[in-house]
Structure formats: structure tokens, C-alpha cells
Amino acid sequence: MALIDQRVEVPVTIDESVCIDGCTLCVEACPLDSLAISDETGKAYMHVDECWYCGPCAARCPVDAVTINIPYLLR
């Protein structure tokens, strides 16, 4: 029986289907500047693999497009 069903590559994922083009609320909320807006899509993405799992980015998103994937051992 596997304890982990899915491996998560990045701490924060953005659902681009609901992310608002050009919105920067999550980017501005991140204390580590780990999020950025893509020049190509206008959507947020995680551009560095560092995260404190603190949550302001997800809390500020008006459409709940930001998901924080907290590793099992940190829960």
C-alpha cells in the first residue's frame, strides 16, 4: 500500500483556466517573490522552487486559482 498517491513537482500550482489575465494579487502577496506573471499568457506561475507554504497567495486570489501543495511531512 502506497502512502503517497501523487508526486507534486512545485509547491504552488495555478489553475490557468480560472486565473484572471493580468491579475497580480497573488504575485504581490508572496513574501518570497516566488510567483510571476507570464509575458506569454498573462497568467501567474511559480518561477522559483522555493515556498514557505504561508498562504497569502492563495488567500488573495479572488477566483481560487492558487493551490498550495503542502508536503505530507510538513502538515
C-alpha atoms as a PDB file:
ATOM      1  CA  MET A   1       0.000   0.000   0.000  1.00  0.00           C
ATOM      2  CA  ALA A   2       1.484   3.310  -1.110  1.00  0.00           C
ATOM      3  CA  LEU A   3       1.498   6.198   1.339  1.00  0.00           C
ATOM      4  CA  ILE A   4       1.861   8.818  -1.387  1.00  0.00           C
ATOM      5  CA  ASP A   5      -0.512   8.675  -4.334  1.00  0.00           C
ATOM      6  CA  GLN A   6       0.817  11.633  -6.283  1.00  0.00           C
ATOM      7  CA  ARG A   7       4.149  13.417  -6.518  1.00  0.00           C
ATOM      8  CA  VAL A   8       3.914  17.195  -6.599  1.00  0.00           C
ATOM      9  CA  GLU A   9       6.649  18.968  -8.520  1.00  0.00           C
ATOM     10  CA  VAL A  10       6.058  22.548  -7.354  1.00  0.00           C
ATOM     11  CA  PRO A  11       4.722  23.875  -4.056  1.00  0.00           C
ATOM     12  CA  VAL A  12       2.197  26.220  -5.682  1.00  0.00           C
ATOM     13  CA  THR A  13       0.065  25.462  -8.714  1.00  0.00           C
ATOM     14  CA  ILE A  14      -2.091  27.898 -10.660  1.00  0.00           C
ATOM     15  CA  ASP A  15      -5.248  26.785 -12.450  1.00  0.00           C
ATOM     16  CA  GLU A  16      -4.843  28.744 -15.678  1.00  0.00           C
ATOM     17  CA  SER A  17      -8.424  28.031 -16.714  1.00  0.00           C
ATOM     18  CA  VAL A  18      -9.708  30.350 -13.963  1.00  0.00           C
ATOM     19  CA  CYS A  19      -6.699  32.630 -13.385  1.00  0.00           C
ATOM     20  CA  ILE A  20      -7.529  36.213 -14.400  1.00  0.00           C
ATOM     21  CA  ASP A  21      -5.291  37.613 -17.155  1.00  0.00           C
ATOM     22  CA  GLY A  22      -3.024  40.322 -15.766  1.00  0.00           C
ATOM     23  CA  CYS A  23      -4.185  39.990 -12.158  1.00  0.00           C
ATOM     24  CA  THR A  24      -1.190  40.352  -9.842  1.00  0.00           C
ATOM     25  CA  LEU A  25      -2.758  39.869  -6.401  1.00  0.00           C
ATOM     26  CA  CYS A  26      -1.044  36.534  -5.682  1.00  0.00           C
ATOM     27  CA  VAL A  27       2.285  37.796  -7.031  1.00  0.00           C
ATOM     28  CA  GLU A  28       2.158  40.853  -4.782  1.00  0.00           C
ATOM     29  CA  ALA A  29       1.181  38.750  -1.750  1.00  0.00           C
ATOM     30  CA  CYS A  30       4.126  36.341  -1.938  1.00  0.00           C
ATOM     31  CA  PRO A  31       6.853  37.354   0.549  1.00  0.00           C
ATOM     32  CA  LEU A  32       9.489  35.374  -1.397  1.00  0.00           C
ATOM     33  CA  ASP A  33       8.607  36.714  -4.864  1.00  0.00           C
ATOM     34  CA  SER A  34       8.176  33.106  -5.995  1.00  0.00           C
ATOM     35  CA  LEU A  35       5.291  33.930  -8.315  1.00  0.00           C
ATOM     36  CA  ALA A  36       5.365  35.923 -11.537  1.00  0.00           C
ATOM     37  CA  ILE A  37       3.081  36.812 -14.423  1.00  0.00           C
ATOM     38  CA  SER A  38       3.859  35.126 -17.733  1.00  0.00           C
ATOM     39  CA  ASP A  39       4.537  37.506 -20.615  1.00  0.00           C
ATOM     40  CA  GLU A  40       3.022  34.948 -22.987  1.00  0.00           C
ATOM     41  CA  THR A  41      -0.228  34.070 -21.197  1.00  0.00           C
ATOM     42  CA  GLY A  42      -0.738  36.914 -18.738  1.00  0.00           C
ATOM     43  CA  LYS A  43      -1.327  34.287 -16.041  1.00  0.00           C
ATOM     44  CA  ALA A  44       0.516  33.705 -12.775  1.00  0.00           C
ATOM     45  CA  TYR A  45       3.048  30.898 -12.435  1.00  0.00           C
ATOM     46  CA  MET A  46       5.671  29.777  -9.938  1.00  0.00           C
ATOM     47  CA  HIS A  47       9.055  30.778 -11.338  1.00  0.00           C
ATOM     48  CA  VAL A  48      11.259  29.544  -8.493  1.00  0.00           C
ATOM     49  CA  ASP A  49      11.002  26.339  -6.485  1.00  0.00           C
ATOM     50  CA  GLU A  50      11.040  27.974  -3.055  1.00  0.00           C
ATOM     51  CA  CYS A  51       7.948  28.351  -0.899  1.00  0.00           C
ATOM     52  CA  TRP A  52       7.248  28.853   2.798  1.00  0.00           C
ATOM     53  CA  TYR A  53       3.702  27.458   2.406  1.00  0.00           C
ATOM     54  CA  CYS A  54       2.489  30.562   4.228  1.00  0.00           C
ATOM     55  CA  GLY A  55      -0.678  31.028   2.153  1.00  0.00           C
ATOM     56  CA  PRO A  56      -1.133  34.731   1.323  1.00  0.00           C
ATOM     57  CA  CYS A  57      -1.040  33.981  -2.400  1.00  0.00           C
ATOM     58  CA  ALA A  58      -3.973  31.564  -2.160  1.00  0.00           C
ATOM     59  CA  ALA A  59      -5.857  33.803   0.254  1.00  0.00           C
ATOM     60  CA  ARG A  60      -5.602  36.825  -2.063  1.00  0.00           C
ATOM     61  CA  CYS A  61      -6.772  35.029  -5.223  1.00  0.00           C
ATOM     62  CA  PRO A  62     -10.362  36.139  -5.928  1.00  0.00           C
ATOM     63  CA  VAL A  63     -11.119  33.061  -8.078  1.00  0.00           C
ATOM     64  CA  ASP A  64      -9.333  30.356  -6.018  1.00  0.00           C
ATOM     65  CA  ALA A  65      -6.899  29.593  -8.844  1.00  0.00           C
ATOM     66  CA  VAL A  66      -3.947  29.185  -6.463  1.00  0.00           C
ATOM     67  CA  THR A  67      -3.380  25.849  -4.720  1.00  0.00           C
ATOM     68  CA  ILE A  68      -0.647  25.323  -2.155  1.00  0.00           C
ATOM     69  CA  ASN A  69       0.628  21.734  -2.174  1.00  0.00           C
ATOM     70  CA  ILE A  70       1.963  21.249   1.346  1.00  0.00           C
ATOM     71  CA  PRO A  71       4.216  18.181   1.601  1.00  0.00           C
ATOM     72  CA  TYR A  72       2.901  15.431   3.849  1.00  0.00           C
ATOM     73  CA  LEU A  73       5.745  15.767   6.372  1.00  0.00           C
ATOM     74  CA  LEU A  74       5.066  19.488   6.873  1.00  0.00           C
ATOM     75  CA  ARG A  75       1.341  19.107   7.601  1.00  0.00           C
END
